[in-house]
Amino acid sequence: MKTIVTLVVSLLIASGMSVRAADAKALWDANCAQCHGKTGNADTRMGKTLNAKDLTSPSVQAGFTDAKATQSIKEGVKENGKTTMKAFGGKLSDDDIKALVAYVRTLKK
């Protein structure tokens, strides 16, 4: 009986993780892909215009912490007084942002 309970709990946890991964991909597609591209390489017209970071690059990924990525998503990014990434803190929950940060880390090649 104990084995069955352990198995059921494990399956529930695993299914929750895959749902979050799917949710993160959907969040990415809905909020980030316009600039950063479907794969994160910023090859979109808007990404090129705004000089968006290629998030598939190991050196770009090494250049920011998860905390900095969270802050950038929440508060947006301004460079030289110009908004280069809008803030999503009013649109996305903290859990959504955490999932996006984890998703961004999977883009590194």
N, C-alpha and C. Protein backbone atom coordinates (compact mmCIF):
# COMPACT_ATOMS: atom_id res chain seq x y z
N MET A 1 0.83 -1.19 0.00
CA MET A 1 0.00 0.00 0.00
C MET A 1 0.87 1.26 0.00
N LYS A 2 1.92 1.24 0.80
CA LYS A 2 2.82 2.39 0.90
C LYS A 2 3.48 2.66 -0.46
N THR A 3 3.81 1.60 -1.19
CA THR A 3 4.42 1.74 -2.51
C THR A 3 3.45 2.40 -3.48
N ILE A 4 2.20 2.04 -3.43
CA ILE A 4 1.20 2.63 -4.32
C ILE A 4 1.04 4.11 -4.03
N VAL A 5 0.97 4.48 -2.78
CA VAL A 5 0.84 5.89 -2.40
C VAL A 5 2.05 6.68 -2.89
N THR A 6 3.24 6.13 -2.69
CA THR A 6 4.46 6.79 -3.14
C THR A 6 4.45 6.96 -4.65
N LEU A 7 4.03 5.94 -5.37
CA LEU A 7 3.96 6.00 -6.82
C LEU A 7 2.96 7.06 -7.28
N VAL A 8 1.80 7.10 -6.67
CA VAL A 8 0.78 8.08 -7.04
C VAL A 8 1.28 9.50 -6.78
N VAL A 9 1.88 9.72 -5.64
CA VAL A 9 2.41 11.05 -5.31
C VAL A 9 3.50 11.44 -6.31
N SER A 10 4.37 10.51 -6.64
CA SER A 10 5.44 10.78 -7.61
C SER A 10 4.87 11.15 -8.97
N LEU A 11 3.86 10.43 -9.41
CA LEU A 11 3.23 10.73 -10.69
C LEU A 11 2.56 12.09 -10.69
N LEU A 12 1.92 12.44 -9.60
CA LEU A 12 1.28 13.75 -9.50
C LEU A 12 2.31 14.88 -9.56
N ILE A 13 3.41 14.69 -8.88
CA ILE A 13 4.47 15.70 -8.90
C ILE A 13 5.04 15.82 -10.31
N ALA A 14 5.33 14.71 -10.95
CA ALA A 14 5.89 14.72 -12.30
C ALA A 14 4.93 15.35 -13.30
N SER A 15 3.65 15.04 -13.18
CA SER A 15 2.68 15.63 -14.12
C SER A 15 2.56 17.13 -13.89
N GLY A 16 2.68 17.57 -12.65
CA GLY A 16 2.65 19.00 -12.35
C GLY A 16 3.83 19.72 -12.98
N MET A 17 5.00 19.08 -12.99
CA MET A 17 6.18 19.69 -13.59
C MET A 17 6.01 19.83 -15.09
N SER A 18 5.46 18.81 -15.74
CA SER A 18 5.31 18.89 -17.18
C SER A 18 4.23 19.90 -17.56
N VAL A 19 3.21 20.07 -16.73
CA VAL A 19 2.20 21.09 -16.99
C VAL A 19 2.83 22.47 -16.88
N ARG A 20 3.68 22.68 -15.86
CA ARG A 20 4.35 23.96 -15.72
C ARG A 20 5.26 24.24 -16.91
N ALA A 21 5.94 23.21 -17.42
CA ALA A 21 6.81 23.39 -18.58
C ALA A 21 5.97 23.79 -19.80
N ALA A 22 4.84 23.15 -19.98
CA ALA A 22 3.95 23.49 -21.08
C ALA A 22 3.41 24.90 -20.90
N ASP A 23 3.06 25.25 -19.66
CA ASP A 23 2.59 26.60 -19.37
C ASP A 23 3.67 27.63 -19.69
N ALA A 24 4.90 27.34 -19.32
CA ALA A 24 6.00 28.27 -19.57
C ALA A 24 6.19 28.48 -21.07
N LYS A 25 6.09 27.42 -21.85
CA LYS A 25 6.21 27.53 -23.31
C LYS A 25 5.06 28.38 -23.86
N ALA A 26 3.86 28.17 -23.35
CA ALA A 26 2.72 28.97 -23.79
C ALA A 26 2.91 30.44 -23.39
N LEU A 27 3.42 30.68 -22.19
CA LEU A 27 3.71 32.05 -21.75
C LEU A 27 4.76 32.69 -22.65
N TRP A 28 5.79 31.91 -22.96
CA TRP A 28 6.86 32.40 -23.85
C TRP A 28 6.26 32.79 -25.20
N ASP A 29 5.48 31.88 -25.79
CA ASP A 29 4.90 32.13 -27.10
C ASP A 29 4.00 33.37 -27.10
N ALA A 30 3.26 33.56 -26.01
CA ALA A 30 2.31 34.67 -25.93
C ALA A 30 2.96 36.01 -25.59
N ASN A 31 4.06 35.99 -24.87
CA ASN A 31 4.61 37.24 -24.34
C ASN A 31 6.03 37.58 -24.79
N CYS A 32 6.81 36.61 -25.17
CA CYS A 32 8.24 36.84 -25.39
C CYS A 32 8.69 36.60 -26.83
N ALA A 33 8.04 35.69 -27.52
CA ALA A 33 8.49 35.26 -28.84
C ALA A 33 8.46 36.37 -29.88
N GLN A 34 7.61 37.37 -29.70
CA GLN A 34 7.53 38.46 -30.67
C GLN A 34 8.89 39.15 -30.82
N CYS A 35 9.60 39.28 -29.74
CA CYS A 35 10.92 39.93 -29.79
C CYS A 35 12.06 38.91 -29.74
N HIS A 36 11.97 37.97 -28.81
CA HIS A 36 13.07 37.03 -28.61
C HIS A 36 13.01 35.83 -29.56
N GLY A 37 11.95 35.68 -30.31
CA GLY A 37 11.83 34.57 -31.25
C GLY A 37 11.35 33.30 -30.59
N LYS A 38 10.82 32.40 -31.39
CA LYS A 38 10.31 31.12 -30.87
C LYS A 38 11.39 30.33 -30.15
N THR A 39 12.62 30.40 -30.68
CA THR A 39 13.71 29.62 -30.09
C THR A 39 14.59 30.42 -29.15
N GLY A 40 14.34 31.72 -29.04
CA GLY A 40 15.11 32.57 -28.14
C GLY A 40 16.29 33.27 -28.79
N ASN A 41 16.46 33.11 -30.10
CA ASN A 41 17.63 33.70 -30.74
C ASN A 41 17.43 35.13 -31.24
N ALA A 42 16.31 35.74 -30.92
CA ALA A 42 16.02 37.15 -31.20
C ALA A 42 16.10 37.48 -32.68
N ASP A 43 15.70 36.56 -33.54
CA ASP A 43 15.80 36.77 -34.97
C ASP A 43 14.54 37.36 -35.59
N THR A 44 13.72 37.98 -34.77
CA THR A 44 12.49 38.59 -35.26
C THR A 44 12.75 40.04 -35.67
N ARG A 45 11.85 40.60 -36.43
CA ARG A 45 11.98 42.00 -36.83
C ARG A 45 12.03 42.90 -35.59
N MET A 46 11.12 42.66 -34.66
CA MET A 46 11.08 43.47 -33.44
C MET A 46 12.35 43.24 -32.61
N GLY A 47 12.79 42.00 -32.53
CA GLY A 47 14.00 41.69 -31.78
C GLY A 47 15.22 42.40 -32.34
N LYS A 48 15.32 42.45 -33.66
CA LYS A 48 16.44 43.14 -34.30
C LYS A 48 16.33 44.65 -34.08
N THR A 49 15.12 45.17 -34.16
CA THR A 49 14.92 46.61 -33.95
C THR A 49 15.33 47.02 -32.54
N LEU A 50 14.95 46.20 -31.55
CA LEU A 50 15.24 46.52 -30.15
C LEU A 50 16.58 45.97 -29.67
N ASN A 51 17.30 45.29 -30.55
CA ASN A 51 18.57 44.67 -30.18
C ASN A 51 18.38 43.70 -29.01
N ALA A 52 17.34 42.87 -29.13
CA ALA A 52 17.04 41.88 -28.08
C ALA A 52 18.18 40.88 -27.97
N LYS A 53 18.37 40.37 -26.78
CA LYS A 53 19.45 39.42 -26.53
C LYS A 53 19.12 38.05 -27.12
N ASP A 54 20.16 37.41 -27.66
CA ASP A 54 20.05 36.04 -28.15
C ASP A 54 20.17 35.13 -26.93
N LEU A 55 19.04 34.66 -26.45
CA LEU A 55 19.02 33.87 -25.21
C LEU A 55 19.47 32.43 -25.42
N THR A 56 19.83 32.07 -26.65
CA THR A 56 20.41 30.75 -26.88
C THR A 56 21.92 30.77 -26.66
N SER A 57 22.49 31.96 -26.59
CA SER A 57 23.94 32.11 -26.44
C SER A 57 24.40 31.81 -25.01
N PRO A 58 25.35 30.90 -24.86
CA PRO A 58 25.87 30.61 -23.51
C PRO A 58 26.46 31.85 -22.83
N SER A 59 27.12 32.71 -23.59
CA SER A 59 27.72 33.90 -22.98
C SER A 59 26.65 34.89 -22.52
N VAL A 60 25.57 35.01 -23.29
CA VAL A 60 24.46 35.87 -22.86
C VAL A 60 23.82 35.29 -21.61
N GLN A 61 23.60 33.98 -21.60
CA GLN A 61 23.00 33.32 -20.43
C GLN A 61 23.88 33.50 -19.19
N ALA A 62 25.19 33.44 -19.37
CA ALA A 62 26.10 33.61 -18.24
C ALA A 62 26.13 35.05 -17.73
N GLY A 63 25.63 35.97 -18.55
CA GLY A 63 25.68 37.38 -18.22
C GLY A 63 24.57 37.88 -17.31
N PHE A 64 23.66 37.01 -16.91
CA PHE A 64 22.61 37.44 -15.98
C PHE A 64 22.22 36.31 -15.05
N THR A 65 21.80 36.70 -13.86
CA THR A 65 21.34 35.74 -12.86
C THR A 65 19.84 35.53 -13.03
N ASP A 66 19.33 34.51 -12.37
CA ASP A 66 17.88 34.31 -12.37
C ASP A 66 17.17 35.49 -11.74
N ALA A 67 17.77 36.05 -10.70
CA ALA A 67 17.18 37.22 -10.04
C ALA A 67 17.10 38.41 -11.00
N LYS A 68 18.15 38.62 -11.79
CA LYS A 68 18.16 39.71 -12.76
C LYS A 68 17.12 39.46 -13.86
N ALA A 69 17.01 38.22 -14.31
CA ALA A 69 16.01 37.89 -15.32
C ALA A 69 14.60 38.14 -14.78
N THR A 70 14.37 37.74 -13.53
CA THR A 70 13.08 37.98 -12.89
C THR A 70 12.78 39.46 -12.83
N GLN A 71 13.75 40.25 -12.41
CA GLN A 71 13.59 41.70 -12.32
C GLN A 71 13.30 42.29 -13.70
N SER A 72 14.01 41.84 -14.71
CA SER A 72 13.82 42.36 -16.06
C SER A 72 12.42 42.06 -16.58
N ILE A 73 11.94 40.85 -16.32
CA ILE A 73 10.60 40.50 -16.77
C ILE A 73 9.55 41.31 -16.01
N LYS A 74 9.73 41.44 -14.70
CA LYS A 74 8.77 42.18 -13.88
C LYS A 74 8.76 43.67 -14.19
N GLU A 75 9.95 44.27 -14.22
CA GLU A 75 10.06 45.73 -14.28
C GLU A 75 10.38 46.28 -15.67
N GLY A 76 10.73 45.39 -16.60
CA GLY A 76 11.15 45.83 -17.91
C GLY A 76 12.62 46.22 -17.91
N VAL A 77 13.10 46.63 -19.08
CA VAL A 77 14.50 47.01 -19.22
C VAL A 77 14.57 48.35 -19.93
N LYS A 78 15.38 49.25 -19.38
CA LYS A 78 15.64 50.54 -20.01
C LYS A 78 17.13 50.66 -20.20
N GLU A 79 17.52 51.10 -21.38
CA GLU A 79 18.92 51.34 -21.68
C GLU A 79 19.03 52.73 -22.28
N ASN A 80 19.88 53.55 -21.68
CA ASN A 80 20.07 54.92 -22.14
C ASN A 80 18.76 55.69 -22.20
N GLY A 81 17.90 55.46 -21.19
CA GLY A 81 16.62 56.15 -21.11
C GLY A 81 15.55 55.63 -22.05
N LYS A 82 15.87 54.60 -22.82
CA LYS A 82 14.92 54.04 -23.79
C LYS A 82 14.46 52.67 -23.30
N THR A 83 13.14 52.44 -23.33
CA THR A 83 12.60 51.13 -22.94
C THR A 83 12.91 50.14 -24.05
N THR A 84 13.70 49.11 -23.69
CA THR A 84 14.03 48.08 -24.67
C THR A 84 13.25 46.79 -24.42
N MET A 85 12.63 46.70 -23.24
CA MET A 85 11.74 45.58 -22.95
C MET A 85 10.67 46.08 -21.98
N LYS A 86 9.43 45.87 -22.36
CA LYS A 86 8.35 46.35 -21.50
C LYS A 86 8.24 45.47 -20.26
N ALA A 87 7.65 46.02 -19.22
CA ALA A 87 7.44 45.31 -17.96
C ALA A 87 6.23 44.39 -18.07
N PHE A 88 6.36 43.20 -17.49
CA PHE A 88 5.27 42.23 -17.49
C PHE A 88 4.75 41.95 -16.09
N GLY A 89 5.27 42.70 -15.10
CA GLY A 89 4.86 42.46 -13.71
C GLY A 89 3.38 42.66 -13.46
N GLY A 90 2.74 43.54 -14.21
CA GLY A 90 1.32 43.77 -14.06
C GLY A 90 0.46 42.75 -14.79
N LYS A 91 1.09 41.97 -15.67
CA LYS A 91 0.37 41.02 -16.49
C LYS A 91 0.58 39.57 -16.03
N LEU A 92 1.78 39.27 -15.57
CA LEU A 92 2.15 37.90 -15.21
C LEU A 92 2.29 37.76 -13.69
N SER A 93 1.90 36.61 -13.18
CA SER A 93 2.07 36.34 -11.75
C SER A 93 3.53 36.02 -11.45
N ASP A 94 3.89 36.02 -10.19
CA ASP A 94 5.24 35.66 -9.78
C ASP A 94 5.56 34.23 -10.22
N ASP A 95 4.58 33.32 -10.14
CA ASP A 95 4.80 31.95 -10.58
C ASP A 95 5.01 31.88 -12.09
N ASP A 96 4.28 32.69 -12.84
CA ASP A 96 4.47 32.74 -14.29
C ASP A 96 5.88 33.21 -14.63
N ILE A 97 6.32 34.25 -13.93
CA ILE A 97 7.66 34.79 -14.18
C ILE A 97 8.74 33.78 -13.80
N LYS A 98 8.54 33.10 -12.70
CA LYS A 98 9.50 32.06 -12.29
C LYS A 98 9.57 30.96 -13.35
N ALA A 99 8.43 30.57 -13.88
CA ALA A 99 8.40 29.55 -14.93
C ALA A 99 9.10 30.04 -16.20
N LEU A 100 8.92 31.31 -16.53
CA LEU A 100 9.58 31.86 -17.71
C LEU A 100 11.10 31.90 -17.54
N VAL A 101 11.55 32.27 -16.36
CA VAL A 101 12.99 32.29 -16.10
C VAL A 101 13.57 30.88 -16.26
N ALA A 102 12.89 29.90 -15.71
CA ALA A 102 13.34 28.51 -15.86
C ALA A 102 13.32 28.11 -17.34
N TYR A 103 12.31 28.54 -18.07
CA TYR A 103 12.23 28.22 -19.50
C TYR A 103 13.38 28.87 -20.27
N VAL A 104 13.68 30.12 -19.95
CA VAL A 104 14.79 30.81 -20.61
C VAL A 104 16.08 30.03 -20.45
N ARG A 105 16.29 29.44 -19.29
CA ARG A 105 17.52 28.68 -19.06
C ARG A 105 17.58 27.42 -19.95
N THR A 106 16.44 26.94 -20.42
CA THR A 106 16.45 25.75 -21.30
C THR A 106 16.80 26.12 -22.74
N LEU A 107 16.83 27.41 -23.06
CA LEU A 107 17.09 27.85 -24.42
C LEU A 107 18.57 27.83 -24.78
N LYS A 108 19.43 27.81 -23.77
CA LYS A 108 20.88 27.85 -24.00
C LYS A 108 21.32 26.64 -24.80
N LYS A 109 22.15 26.90 -25.79
CA LYS A 109 22.66 25.81 -26.65
C LYS A 109 24.05 25.42 -26.25
